[in-house]
Amino acid sequence: MEKEKYMDSSLTPRERAEDLLAKLSLEEKMAQVNCVLIPVGREKEAAAFCKYGMGEISTLEFRNFKTAGEAAEFQRNIQKMVMENSPHHIPAIFHMEGLCGAFIKDRFRLQSVSLNCVA
């Protein structure tokens, strides 16, 4: 079986992107410009909402985990669901609304530093 052009790493990023965009349905493209917050315990509900994949997942829910391991497991499960739902298996981007990184209780995180640039 021949590999899809968008999966062929020997092609340029532009060639791969053009191939993938030509194959995506309108629903898949719209899913890629959306972001969702998936509350713990409502993953099955979210699967129906992410039926064409999802562009971004907010990690704000990570603040409820006690360990980084719990957060990583939750993220892996969500990513698996998103990629299985996406007809072209596109992974989601996970993001946090802040510059400090994942907000996990009692864990070290770097504080934001303000830099003043003078021209």
PDB file of N, CA and C in Angstrom:
ATOM      1  N   MET A   1       0.842  -1.187   0.000  1.00  0.00           N
ATOM      2  CA  MET A   1       0.000   0.000   0.000  1.00  0.00           C
ATOM      3  C   MET A   1       0.887   1.251   0.000  1.00  0.00           C
ATOM      4  N   GLU A   2       0.582   2.154  -0.891  1.00  0.00           N
ATOM      5  CA  GLU A   2       1.373   3.372  -1.026  1.00  0.00           C
ATOM      6  C   GLU A   2       1.025   4.372   0.077  1.00  0.00           C
ATOM      7  N   LYS A   3       2.061   5.023   0.591  1.00  0.00           N
ATOM      8  CA  LYS A   3       1.893   6.015   1.655  1.00  0.00           C
ATOM      9  C   LYS A   3       1.227   7.276   1.087  1.00  0.00           C
ATOM     10  N   GLU A   4       0.335   7.865   1.879  1.00  0.00           N
ATOM     11  CA  GLU A   4      -0.286   9.146   1.492  1.00  0.00           C
ATOM     12  C   GLU A   4       0.818  10.192   1.337  1.00  0.00           C
ATOM     13  N   LYS A   5       0.657  11.089   0.375  1.00  0.00           N
ATOM     14  CA  LYS A   5       1.676  12.122   0.142  1.00  0.00           C
ATOM     15  C   LYS A   5       1.915  12.965   1.393  1.00  0.00           C
ATOM     16  N   TYR A   6       0.854  13.307   2.128  1.00  0.00           N
ATOM     17  CA  TYR A   6       1.024  14.151   3.311  1.00  0.00           C
ATOM     18  C   TYR A   6       1.775  13.448   4.433  1.00  0.00           C
ATOM     19  N   MET A   7       1.936  12.126   4.336  1.00  0.00           N
ATOM     20  CA  MET A   7       2.685  11.359   5.330  1.00  0.00           C
ATOM     21  C   MET A   7       4.123  11.076   4.871  1.00  0.00           C
ATOM     22  N   ASP A   8       4.468  11.485   3.673  1.00  0.00           N
ATOM     23  CA  ASP A   8       5.770  11.204   3.087  1.00  0.00           C
ATOM     24  C   ASP A   8       6.785  12.275   3.467  1.00  0.00           C
ATOM     25  N   SER A   9       7.665  11.943   4.398  1.00  0.00           N
ATOM     26  CA  SER A   9       8.629  12.928   4.906  1.00  0.00           C
ATOM     27  C   SER A   9       9.698  13.305   3.884  1.00  0.00           C
ATOM     28  N   SER A  10       9.762  12.603   2.757  1.00  0.00           N
ATOM     29  CA  SER A  10      10.737  12.985   1.730  1.00  0.00           C
ATOM     30  C   SER A  10      10.244  14.181   0.912  1.00  0.00           C
ATOM     31  N   LEU A  11       8.950  14.493   1.016  1.00  0.00           N
ATOM     32  CA  LEU A  11       8.394  15.654   0.319  1.00  0.00           C
ATOM     33  C   LEU A  11       8.588  16.905   1.162  1.00  0.00           C
ATOM     34  N   THR A  12       8.472  18.066   0.528  1.00  0.00           N
ATOM     35  CA  THR A  12       8.617  19.326   1.268  1.00  0.00           C
ATOM     36  C   THR A  12       7.391  19.534   2.158  1.00  0.00           C
ATOM     37  N   PRO A  13       7.533  20.307   3.221  1.00  0.00           N
ATOM     38  CA  PRO A  13       6.367  20.621   4.054  1.00  0.00           C
ATOM     39  C   PRO A  13       5.219  21.218   3.237  1.00  0.00           C
ATOM     40  N   ARG A  14       5.551  22.080   2.287  1.00  0.00           N
ATOM     41  CA  ARG A  14       4.511  22.695   1.445  1.00  0.00           C
ATOM     42  C   ARG A  14       3.744  21.641   0.643  1.00  0.00           C
ATOM     43  N   GLU A  15       4.472  20.702   0.022  1.00  0.00           N
ATOM     44  CA  GLU A  15       3.818  19.648  -0.756  1.00  0.00           C
ATOM     45  C   GLU A  15       2.914  18.794   0.127  1.00  0.00           C
ATOM     46  N   ARG A  16       3.407  18.482   1.306  1.00  0.00           N
ATOM     47  CA  ARG A  16       2.625  17.662   2.234  1.00  0.00           C
ATOM     48  C   ARG A  16       1.376  18.405   2.692  1.00  0.00           C
ATOM     49  N   ALA A  17       1.536  19.691   3.033  1.00  0.00           N
ATOM     50  CA  ALA A  17       0.395  20.493   3.494  1.00  0.00           C
ATOM     51  C   ALA A  17      -0.644  20.646   2.394  1.00  0.00           C
ATOM     52  N   GLU A  18      -0.195  20.918   1.176  1.00  0.00           N
ATOM     53  CA  GLU A  18      -1.143  21.077   0.064  1.00  0.00           C
ATOM     54  C   GLU A  18      -1.922  19.795  -0.179  1.00  0.00           C
ATOM     55  N   ASP A  19      -1.256  18.657  -0.079  1.00  0.00           N
ATOM     56  CA  ASP A  19      -1.927  17.378  -0.266  1.00  0.00           C
ATOM     57  C   ASP A  19      -2.974  17.142   0.831  1.00  0.00           C
ATOM     58  N   LEU A  20      -2.578  17.382   2.070  1.00  0.00           N
ATOM     59  CA  LEU A  20      -3.506  17.170   3.178  1.00  0.00           C
ATOM     60  C   LEU A  20      -4.695  18.116   3.091  1.00  0.00           C
ATOM     61  N   LEU A  21      -4.452  19.393   2.835  1.00  0.00           N
ATOM     62  CA  LEU A  21      -5.553  20.359   2.749  1.00  0.00           C
ATOM     63  C   LEU A  21      -6.530  20.008   1.629  1.00  0.00           C
ATOM     64  N   ALA A  22      -6.036  19.455   0.541  1.00  0.00           N
ATOM     65  CA  ALA A  22      -6.918  19.058  -0.557  1.00  0.00           C
ATOM     66  C   ALA A  22      -7.812  17.882  -0.159  1.00  0.00           C
ATOM     67  N   LYS A  23      -7.360  17.083   0.799  1.00  0.00           N
ATOM     68  CA  LYS A  23      -8.112  15.889   1.211  1.00  0.00           C
ATOM     69  C   LYS A  23      -9.056  16.133   2.382  1.00  0.00           C
ATOM     70  N   LEU A  24      -8.811  17.189   3.158  1.00  0.00           N
ATOM     71  CA  LEU A  24      -9.647  17.455   4.329  1.00  0.00           C
ATOM     72  C   LEU A  24     -11.037  17.932   3.911  1.00  0.00           C
ATOM     73  N   SER A  25     -12.047  17.428   4.614  1.00  0.00           N
ATOM     74  CA  SER A  25     -13.405  17.936   4.401  1.00  0.00           C
ATOM     75  C   SER A  25     -13.530  19.297   5.078  1.00  0.00           C
ATOM     76  N   LEU A  26     -14.590  20.015   4.779  1.00  0.00           N
ATOM     77  CA  LEU A  26     -14.839  21.302   5.435  1.00  0.00           C
ATOM     78  C   LEU A  26     -14.953  21.105   6.949  1.00  0.00           C
ATOM     79  N   GLU A  27     -15.617  20.034   7.370  1.00  0.00           N
ATOM     80  CA  GLU A  27     -15.772  19.752   8.808  1.00  0.00           C
ATOM     81  C   GLU A  27     -14.417  19.537   9.482  1.00  0.00           C
ATOM     82  N   GLU A  28     -13.521  18.831   8.811  1.00  0.00           N
ATOM     83  CA  GLU A  28     -12.184  18.606   9.372  1.00  0.00           C
ATOM     84  C   GLU A  28     -11.396  19.914   9.455  1.00  0.00           C
ATOM     85  N   LYS A  29     -11.504  20.735   8.434  1.00  0.00           N
ATOM     86  CA  LYS A  29     -10.802  22.023   8.456  1.00  0.00           C
ATOM     87  C   LYS A  29     -11.320  22.901   9.581  1.00  0.00           C
ATOM     88  N   MET A  30     -12.626  22.933   9.764  1.00  0.00           N
ATOM     89  CA  MET A  30     -13.207  23.749  10.836  1.00  0.00           C
ATOM     90  C   MET A  30     -12.803  23.212  12.208  1.00  0.00           C
ATOM     91  N   ALA A  31     -12.689  21.899  12.336  1.00  0.00           N
ATOM     92  CA  ALA A  31     -12.247  21.320  13.610  1.00  0.00           C
ATOM     93  C   ALA A  31     -10.841  21.799  13.947  1.00  0.00           C
ATOM     94  N   GLN A  32     -10.004  21.997  12.939  1.00  0.00           N
ATOM     95  CA  GLN A  32      -8.625  22.404  13.165  1.00  0.00           C
ATOM     96  C   GLN A  32      -8.496  23.848  13.650  1.00  0.00           C
ATOM     97  N   VAL A  33      -9.517  24.655  13.490  1.00  0.00           N
ATOM     98  CA  VAL A  33      -9.448  26.037  13.973  1.00  0.00           C
ATOM     99  C   VAL A  33     -10.213  26.213  15.280  1.00  0.00           C
ATOM    100  N   ASN A  34     -10.624  25.106  15.889  1.00  0.00           N
ATOM    101  CA  ASN A  34     -11.349  25.146  17.159  1.00  0.00           C
ATOM    102  C   ASN A  34     -10.463  24.744  18.321  1.00  0.00           C
ATOM    103  N   CYS A  35     -10.893  25.162  19.512  1.00  0.00           N
ATOM    104  CA  CYS A  35     -10.225  24.794  20.755  1.00  0.00           C
ATOM    105  C   CYS A  35     -11.311  24.377  21.744  1.00  0.00           C
ATOM    106  N   VAL A  36     -11.001  23.398  22.559  1.00  0.00           N
ATOM    107  CA  VAL A  36     -11.961  22.917  23.533  1.00  0.00           C
ATOM    108  C   VAL A  36     -11.267  22.643  24.862  1.00  0.00           C
ATOM    109  N   LEU A  37     -12.013  22.849  25.941  1.00  0.00           N
ATOM    110  CA  LEU A  37     -11.584  22.460  27.282  1.00  0.00           C
ATOM    111  C   LEU A  37     -12.370  21.201  27.614  1.00  0.00           C
ATOM    112  N   ILE A  38     -11.684  20.121  27.919  1.00  0.00           N
ATOM    113  CA  ILE A  38     -12.356  18.858  28.226  1.00  0.00           C
ATOM    114  C   ILE A  38     -12.244  18.603  29.723  1.00  0.00           C
ATOM    115  N   PRO A  39     -13.359  18.732  30.446  1.00  0.00           N
ATOM    116  CA  PRO A  39     -13.331  18.486  31.887  1.00  0.00           C
ATOM    117  C   PRO A  39     -13.075  17.011  32.203  1.00  0.00           C
ATOM    118  N   VAL A  40     -12.363  16.751  33.279  1.00  0.00           N
ATOM    119  CA  VAL A  40     -12.123  15.386  33.731  1.00  0.00           C
ATOM    120  C   VAL A  40     -13.475  14.722  33.980  1.00  0.00           C
ATOM    121  N   GLY A  41     -13.618  13.502  33.490  1.00  0.00           N
ATOM    122  CA  GLY A  41     -14.855  12.761  33.668  1.00  0.00           C
ATOM    123  C   GLY A  41     -15.852  12.950  32.534  1.00  0.00           C
ATOM    124  N   ARG A  42     -15.538  13.853  31.602  1.00  0.00           N
ATOM    125  CA  ARG A  42     -16.467  14.106  30.487  1.00  0.00           C
ATOM    126  C   ARG A  42     -15.807  13.816  29.135  1.00  0.00           C
ATOM    127  N   GLU A  43     -14.834  12.919  29.165  1.00  0.00           N
ATOM    128  CA  GLU A  43     -14.097  12.591  27.951  1.00  0.00           C
ATOM    129  C   GLU A  43     -14.995  11.959  26.875  1.00  0.00           C
ATOM    130  N   LYS A  44     -15.922  11.086  27.286  1.00  0.00           N
ATOM    131  CA  LYS A  44     -16.818  10.442  26.305  1.00  0.00           C
ATOM    132  C   LYS A  44     -17.720  11.471  25.626  1.00  0.00           C
ATOM    133  N   GLU A  45     -18.180  12.437  26.399  1.00  0.00           N
ATOM    134  CA  GLU A  45     -18.975  13.536  25.847  1.00  0.00           C
ATOM    135  C   GLU A  45     -18.148  14.335  24.829  1.00  0.00           C
ATOM    136  N   ALA A  46     -16.887  14.561  25.169  1.00  0.00           N
ATOM    137  CA  ALA A  46     -16.004  15.335  24.301  1.00  0.00           C
ATOM    138  C   ALA A  46     -15.725  14.596  22.997  1.00  0.00           C
ATOM    139  N   ALA A  47     -15.715  13.272  23.042  1.00  0.00           N
ATOM    140  CA  ALA A  47     -15.449  12.490  21.828  1.00  0.00           C
ATOM    141  C   ALA A  47     -16.481  12.811  20.751  1.00  0.00           C
ATOM    142  N   ALA A  48     -17.724  13.004  21.138  1.00  0.00           N
ATOM    143  CA  ALA A  48     -18.771  13.345  20.162  1.00  0.00           C
ATOM    144  C   ALA A  48     -18.525  14.739  19.595  1.00  0.00           C
ATOM    145  N   PHE A  49     -18.059  15.655  20.436  1.00  0.00           N
ATOM    146  CA  PHE A  49     -17.772  17.018  19.988  1.00  0.00           C
ATOM    147  C   PHE A  49     -16.554  17.058  19.070  1.00  0.00           C
ATOM    148  N   CYS A  50     -15.621  16.128  19.274  1.00  0.00           N
ATOM    149  CA  CYS A  50     -14.373  16.078  18.501  1.00  0.00           C
ATOM    150  C   CYS A  50     -14.460  15.047  17.378  1.00  0.00           C
ATOM    151  N   LYS A  51     -15.632  14.847  16.824  1.00  0.00           N
ATOM    152  CA  LYS A  51     -15.788  13.749  15.860  1.00  0.00           C
ATOM    153  C   LYS A  51     -15.026  13.949  14.561  1.00  0.00           C
ATOM    154  N   TYR A  52     -14.544  15.149  14.293  1.00  0.00           N
ATOM    155  CA  TYR A  52     -13.700  15.392  13.117  1.00  0.00           C
ATOM    156  C   TYR A  52     -12.282  15.764  13.530  1.00  0.00           C
ATOM    157  N   GLY A  53     -11.940  15.529  14.783  1.00  0.00           N
ATOM    158  CA  GLY A  53     -10.656  15.942  15.328  1.00  0.00           C
ATOM    159  C   GLY A  53     -10.827  17.254  16.083  1.00  0.00           C
ATOM    160  N   MET A  54      -9.715  17.876  16.450  1.00  0.00           N
ATOM    161  CA  MET A  54      -9.748  19.146  17.172  1.00  0.00           C
ATOM    162  C   MET A  54      -8.383  19.805  17.018  1.00  0.00           C
ATOM    163  N   GLY A  55      -8.383  21.097  16.758  1.00  0.00           N
ATOM    164  CA  GLY A  55      -7.126  21.816  16.574  1.00  0.00           C
ATOM    165  C   GLY A  55      -6.343  21.995  17.855  1.00  0.00           C
ATOM    166  N   GLU A  56      -7.030  22.432  18.914  1.00  0.00           N
ATOM    167  CA  GLU A  56      -6.346  22.712  20.177  1.00  0.00           C
ATOM    168  C   GLU A  56      -7.166  22.209  21.355  1.00  0.00           C
ATOM    169  N   ILE A  57      -6.451  21.803  22.397  1.00  0.00           N
ATOM    170  CA  ILE A  57      -7.062  21.374  23.658  1.00  0.00           C
ATOM    171  C   ILE A  57      -6.464  22.251  24.752  1.00  0.00           C
ATOM    172  N   SER A  58      -7.317  22.883  25.540  1.00  0.00           N
ATOM    173  CA  SER A  58      -6.839  23.681  26.670  1.00  0.00           C
ATOM    174  C   SER A  58      -6.411  22.746  27.787  1.00  0.00           C
ATOM    175  N   THR A  59      -5.273  23.033  28.390  1.00  0.00           N
ATOM    176  CA  THR A  59      -4.790  22.210  29.502  1.00  0.00           C
ATOM    177  C   THR A  59      -5.138  22.826  30.855  1.00  0.00           C
ATOM    178  N   LEU A  60      -6.046  23.771  30.858  1.00  0.00           N
ATOM    179  CA  LEU A  60      -6.438  24.398  32.122  1.00  0.00           C
ATOM    180  C   LEU A  60      -6.934  23.355  33.130  1.00  0.00           C
ATOM    181  N   GLU A  61      -7.526  22.295  32.640  1.00  0.00           N
ATOM    182  CA  GLU A  61      -8.028  21.225  33.517  1.00  0.00           C
ATOM    183  C   GLU A  61      -6.899  20.534  34.276  1.00  0.00           C
ATOM    184  N   PHE A  62      -5.670  20.691  33.822  1.00  0.00           N
ATOM    185  CA  PHE A  62      -4.536  20.048  34.475  1.00  0.00           C
ATOM    186  C   PHE A  62      -4.348  20.550  35.908  1.00  0.00           C
ATOM    187  N   ARG A  63      -4.902  21.695  36.221  1.00  0.00           N
ATOM    188  CA  ARG A  63      -4.751  22.235  37.578  1.00  0.00           C
ATOM    189  C   ARG A  63      -5.404  21.329  38.622  1.00  0.00           C
ATOM    190  N   ASN A  64      -6.266  20.417  38.194  1.00  0.00           N
ATOM    191  CA  ASN A  64      -6.959  19.526  39.122  1.00  0.00           C
ATOM    192  C   ASN A  64      -6.202  18.228  39.393  1.00  0.00           C
ATOM    193  N   PHE A  65      -5.099  18.000  38.703  1.00  0.00           N
ATOM    194  CA  PHE A  65      -4.330  16.781  38.925  1.00  0.00           C
ATOM    195  C   PHE A  65      -3.321  16.978  40.034  1.00  0.00           C
ATOM    196  N   LYS A  66      -3.070  15.911  40.776  1.00  0.00           N
ATOM    197  CA  LYS A  66      -2.122  15.986  41.887  1.00  0.00           C
ATOM    198  C   LYS A  66      -0.688  15.727  41.432  1.00  0.00           C
ATOM    199  N   THR A  67      -0.533  14.989  40.335  1.00  0.00           N
ATOM    200  CA  THR A  67       0.813  14.660  39.871  1.00  0.00           C
ATOM    201  C   THR A  67       0.950  14.941  38.375  1.00  0.00           C
ATOM    202  N   ALA A  68       2.193  15.108  37.963  1.00  0.00           N
ATOM    203  CA  ALA A  68       2.470  15.287  36.533  1.00  0.00           C
ATOM    204  C   ALA A  68       2.109  14.020  35.760  1.00  0.00           C
ATOM    205  N   GLY A  69       2.252  12.861  36.397  1.00  0.00           N
ATOM    206  CA  GLY A  69       1.896  11.592  35.765  1.00  0.00           C
ATOM    207  C   GLY A  69       0.416  11.517  35.430  1.00  0.00           C
ATOM    208  N   GLU A  70      -0.425  11.989  36.351  1.00  0.00           N
ATOM    209  CA  GLU A  70      -1.879  12.010  36.098  1.00  0.00           C
ATOM    210  C   GLU A  70      -2.190  12.930  34.916  1.00  0.00           C
ATOM    211  N   ALA A  71      -1.537  14.076  34.879  1.00  0.00           N
ATOM    212  CA  ALA A  71      -1.758  15.024  33.789  1.00  0.00           C
ATOM    213  C   ALA A  71      -1.318  14.421  32.456  1.00  0.00           C
ATOM    214  N   ALA A  72      -0.168  13.748  32.455  1.00  0.00           N
ATOM    215  CA  ALA A  72       0.343  13.131  31.225  1.00  0.00           C
ATOM    216  C   ALA A  72      -0.590  12.023  30.742  1.00  0.00           C
ATOM    217  N   GLU A  73      -1.111  11.227  31.644  1.00  0.00           N
ATOM    218  CA  GLU A  73      -2.036  10.151  31.255  1.00  0.00           C
ATOM    219  C   GLU A  73      -3.319  10.726  30.653  1.00  0.00           C
ATOM    220  N   PHE A  74      -3.856  11.757  31.281  1.00  0.00           N
ATOM    221  CA  PHE A  74      -5.053  12.422  30.759  1.00  0.00           C
ATOM    222  C   PHE A  74      -4.784  12.966  29.355  1.00  0.00           C
ATOM    223  N   GLN A  75      -3.630  13.615  29.171  1.00  0.00           N
ATOM    224  CA  GLN A  75      -3.283  14.188  27.869  1.00  0.00           C
ATOM    225  C   GLN A  75      -3.132  13.092  26.818  1.00  0.00           C
ATOM    226  N   ARG A  76      -2.463  11.989  27.162  1.00  0.00           N
ATOM    227  CA  ARG A  76      -2.308  10.880  26.209  1.00  0.00           C
ATOM    228  C   ARG A  76      -3.667  10.322  25.788  1.00  0.00           C
ATOM    229  N   ASN A  77      -4.570  10.154  26.746  1.00  0.00           N
ATOM    230  CA  ASN A  77      -5.901   9.615  26.437  1.00  0.00           C
ATOM    231  C   ASN A  77      -6.690  10.557  25.541  1.00  0.00           C
ATOM    232  N   ILE A  78      -6.616  11.844  25.814  1.00  0.00           N
ATOM    233  CA  ILE A  78      -7.327  12.828  24.991  1.00  0.00           C
ATOM    234  C   ILE A  78      -6.727  12.857  23.586  1.00  0.00           C
ATOM    235  N   GLN A  79      -5.395  12.859  23.498  1.00  0.00           N
ATOM    236  CA  GLN A  79      -4.743  12.884  22.185  1.00  0.00           C
ATOM    237  C   GLN A  79      -5.110  11.649  21.365  1.00  0.00           C
ATOM    238  N   LYS A  80      -5.155  10.505  22.013  1.00  0.00           N
ATOM    239  CA  LYS A  80      -5.537   9.264  21.323  1.00  0.00           C
ATOM    240  C   LYS A  80      -6.950   9.387  20.765  1.00  0.00           C
ATOM    241  N   MET A  81      -7.875   9.894  21.580  1.00  0.00           N
ATOM    242  CA  MET A  81      -9.259  10.068  21.150  1.00  0.00           C
ATOM    243  C   MET A  81      -9.351  11.035  19.966  1.00  0.00           C
ATOM    244  N   VAL A  82      -8.643  12.156  20.053  1.00  0.00           N
ATOM    245  CA  VAL A  82      -8.685  13.159  18.984  1.00  0.00           C
ATOM    246  C   VAL A  82      -8.145  12.564  17.684  1.00  0.00           C
ATOM    247  N   MET A  83      -7.024  11.880  17.762  1.00  0.00           N
ATOM    248  CA  MET A  83      -6.417  11.322  16.553  1.00  0.00           C
ATOM    249  C   MET A  83      -7.242  10.186  15.962  1.00  0.00           C
ATOM    250  N   GLU A  84      -7.878   9.388  16.817  1.00  0.00           N
ATOM    251  CA  GLU A  84      -8.747   8.317  16.309  1.00  0.00           C
ATOM    252  C   GLU A  84      -9.995   8.889  15.640  1.00  0.00           C
ATOM    253  N   ASN A  85     -10.494  10.008  16.147  1.00  0.00           N
ATOM    254  CA  ASN A  85     -11.678  10.632  15.549  1.00  0.00           C
ATOM    255  C   ASN A  85     -11.354  11.376  14.262  1.00  0.00           C
ATOM    256  N   SER A  86     -10.155  11.898  14.153  1.00  0.00           N
ATOM    257  CA  SER A  86      -9.752  12.647  12.963  1.00  0.00           C
ATOM    258  C   SER A  86      -9.554  11.677  11.802  1.00  0.00           C
ATOM    259  N   PRO A  87     -10.319  11.828  10.717  1.00  0.00           N
ATOM    260  CA  PRO A  87     -10.169  10.910   9.588  1.00  0.00           C
ATOM    261  C   PRO A  87      -8.735  10.827   9.060  1.00  0.00           C
ATOM    262  N   HIS A  88      -7.943  11.889   9.261  1.00  0.00           N
ATOM    263  CA  HIS A  88      -6.557  11.882   8.796  1.00  0.00           C
ATOM    264  C   HIS A  88      -5.568  11.795   9.960  1.00  0.00           C
ATOM    265  N   HIS A  89      -6.081  11.472  11.161  1.00  0.00           N
ATOM    266  CA  HIS A  89      -5.264  11.228  12.362  1.00  0.00           C
ATOM    267  C   HIS A  89      -4.374  12.408  12.733  1.00  0.00           C
ATOM    268  N   ILE A  90      -4.936  13.610  12.680  1.00  0.00           N
ATOM    269  CA  ILE A  90      -4.191  14.832  12.998  1.00  0.00           C
ATOM    270  C   ILE A  90      -4.175  15.023  14.517  1.00  0.00           C
ATOM    271  N   PRO A  91      -3.003  15.163  15.119  1.00  0.00           N
ATOM    272  CA  PRO A  91      -2.949  15.392  16.570  1.00  0.00           C
ATOM    273  C   PRO A  91      -3.365  16.818  16.923  1.00  0.00           C
ATOM    274  N   ALA A  92      -3.851  16.974  18.139  1.00  0.00           N
ATOM    275  CA  ALA A  92      -4.228  18.298  18.638  1.00  0.00           C
ATOM    276  C   ALA A  92      -3.011  18.974  19.269  1.00  0.00           C
ATOM    277  N   ILE A  93      -3.062  20.285  19.341  1.00  0.00           N
ATOM    278  CA  ILE A  93      -2.071  21.071  20.074  1.00  0.00           C
ATOM    279  C   ILE A  93      -2.650  21.272  21.472  1.00  0.00           C
ATOM    280  N   PHE A  94      -1.858  21.025  22.494  1.00  0.00           N
ATOM    281  CA  PHE A  94      -2.286  21.273  23.871  1.00  0.00           C
ATOM    282  C   PHE A  94      -1.657  22.580  24.316  1.00  0.00           C
ATOM    283  N   HIS A  95      -2.458  23.449  24.935  1.00  0.00           N
ATOM    284  CA  HIS A  95      -1.916  24.745  25.337  1.00  0.00           C
ATOM    285  C   HIS A  95      -2.441  25.169  26.701  1.00  0.00           C
ATOM    286  N   MET A  96      -1.710  26.063  27.313  1.00  0.00           N
ATOM    287  CA  MET A  96      -2.061  26.636  28.622  1.00  0.00           C
ATOM    288  C   MET A  96      -2.171  28.140  28.434  1.00  0.00           C
ATOM    289  N   GLU A  97      -3.127  28.733  29.080  1.00  0.00           N
ATOM    290  CA  GLU A  97      -3.326  30.187  28.988  1.00  0.00           C
ATOM    291  C   GLU A  97      -2.353  30.901  29.916  1.00  0.00           C
ATOM    292  N   GLY A  98      -1.090  30.812  29.620  1.00  0.00           N
ATOM    293  CA  GLY A  98      -0.108  31.502  30.444  1.00  0.00           C
ATOM    294  C   GLY A  98       1.299  31.114  30.039  1.00  0.00           C
ATOM    295  N   LEU A  99       2.247  31.867  30.494  1.00  0.00           N
ATOM    296  CA  LEU A  99       3.635  31.612  30.138  1.00  0.00           C
ATOM    297  C   LEU A  99       4.352  30.736  31.149  1.00  0.00           C
ATOM    298  N   CYS A 100       3.650  30.304  32.202  1.00  0.00           N
ATOM    299  CA  CYS A 100       4.316  29.573  33.278  1.00  0.00           C
ATOM    300  C   CYS A 100       4.390  28.083  33.027  1.00  0.00           C
ATOM    301  N   GLY A 101       3.768  27.572  31.989  1.00  0.00           N
ATOM    302  CA  GLY A 101       3.753  26.139  31.754  1.00  0.00           C
ATOM    303  C   GLY A 101       2.541  25.507  32.413  1.00  0.00           C
ATOM    304  N   ALA A 102       2.560  24.193  32.473  1.00  0.00           N
ATOM    305  CA  ALA A 102       1.409  23.471  33.046  1.00  0.00           C
ATOM    306  C   ALA A 102       1.215  23.868  34.499  1.00  0.00           C
ATOM    307  N   PHE A 103      -0.004  24.157  34.863  1.00  0.00           N
ATOM    308  CA  PHE A 103      -0.334  24.539  36.234  1.00  0.00           C
ATOM    309  C   PHE A 103      -0.808  23.295  36.964  1.00  0.00           C
ATOM    310  N   ILE A 104       0.115  22.631  37.650  1.00  0.00           N
ATOM    311  CA  ILE A 104      -0.196  21.414  38.391  1.00  0.00           C
ATOM    312  C   ILE A 104       0.079  21.698  39.856  1.00  0.00           C
ATOM    313  N   LYS A 105      -0.870  21.356  40.705  1.00  0.00           N
ATOM    314  CA  LYS A 105      -0.752  21.644  42.135  1.00  0.00           C
ATOM    315  C   LYS A 105       0.571  21.155  42.706  1.00  0.00           C
ATOM    316  N   ASP A 106       1.178  21.986  43.532  1.00  0.00           N
ATOM    317  CA  ASP A 106       2.400  21.657  44.264  1.00  0.00           C
ATOM    318  C   ASP A 106       3.566  21.233  43.380  1.00  0.00           C
ATOM    319  N   ARG A 107       3.612  21.707  42.176  1.00  0.00           N
ATOM    320  CA  ARG A 107       4.712  21.404  41.271  1.00  0.00           C
ATOM    321  C   ARG A 107       5.471  22.677  40.964  1.00  0.00           C
ATOM    322  N   PHE A 108       6.750  22.525  40.708  1.00  0.00           N
ATOM    323  CA  PHE A 108       7.599  23.663  40.349  1.00  0.00           C
ATOM    324  C   PHE A 108       7.201  24.170  38.971  1.00  0.00           C
ATOM    325  N   ARG A 109       7.142  25.460  38.837  1.00  0.00           N
ATOM    326  CA  ARG A 109       6.933  26.060  37.524  1.00  0.00           C
ATOM    327  C   ARG A 109       7.685  27.379  37.480  1.00  0.00           C
ATOM    328  N   LEU A 110       8.171  27.682  36.316  1.00  0.00           N
ATOM    329  CA  LEU A 110       8.907  28.924  36.144  1.00  0.00           C
ATOM    330  C   LEU A 110       7.930  30.093  36.093  1.00  0.00           C
ATOM    331  N   GLN A 111       8.267  31.123  36.792  1.00  0.00           N
ATOM    332  CA  GLN A 111       7.427  32.318  36.778  1.00  0.00           C
ATOM    333  C   GLN A 111       7.737  33.123  35.519  1.00  0.00           C
ATOM    334  N   SER A 112       6.754  33.818  35.050  1.00  0.00           N
ATOM    335  CA  SER A 112       6.956  34.662  33.873  1.00  0.00           C
ATOM    336  C   SER A 112       7.916  35.795  34.208  1.00  0.00           C
ATOM    337  N   VAL A 113       8.744  36.105  33.252  1.00  0.00           N
ATOM    338  CA  VAL A 113       9.700  37.199  33.429  1.00  0.00           C
ATOM    339  C   VAL A 113       9.382  38.257  32.405  1.00  0.00           C
ATOM    340  N   SER A 114       9.250  39.482  32.851  1.00  0.00           N
ATOM    341  CA  SER A 114       8.976  40.589  31.944  1.00  0.00           C
ATOM    342  C   SER A 114      10.297  41.168  31.486  1.00  0.00           C
ATOM    343  N   LEU A 115      10.467  41.247  30.188  1.00  0.00           N
ATOM    344  CA  LEU A 115      11.686  41.827  29.628  1.00  0.00           C
ATOM    345  C   LEU A 115      11.341  43.160  28.965  1.00  0.00           C
ATOM    346  N   ASN A 116      12.047  44.191  29.333  1.00  0.00           N
ATOM    347  CA  ASN A 116      11.856  45.491  28.714  1.00  0.00           C
ATOM    348  C   ASN A 116      12.939  45.700  27.680  1.00  0.00           C
ATOM    349  N   CYS A 117      12.520  45.913  26.464  1.00  0.00           N
ATOM    350  CA  CYS A 117      13.481  46.135  25.386  1.00  0.00           C
ATOM    351  C   CYS A 117      13.504  47.620  25.041  1.00  0.00           C
ATOM    352  N   VAL A 118      14.687  48.149  24.945  1.00  0.00           N
ATOM    353  CA  VAL A 118      14.853  49.545  24.600  1.00  0.00           C
ATOM    354  C   VAL A 118      15.479  49.612  23.209  1.00  0.00           C
ATOM    355  N   ALA A 119      14.868  50.382  22.333  1.00  0.00           N
ATOM    356  CA  ALA A 119      15.385  50.493  20.973  1.00  0.00           C
ATOM    357  C   ALA A 119      16.549  51.449  20.919  1.00  0.00           C
TER     358      ALA A 119
END
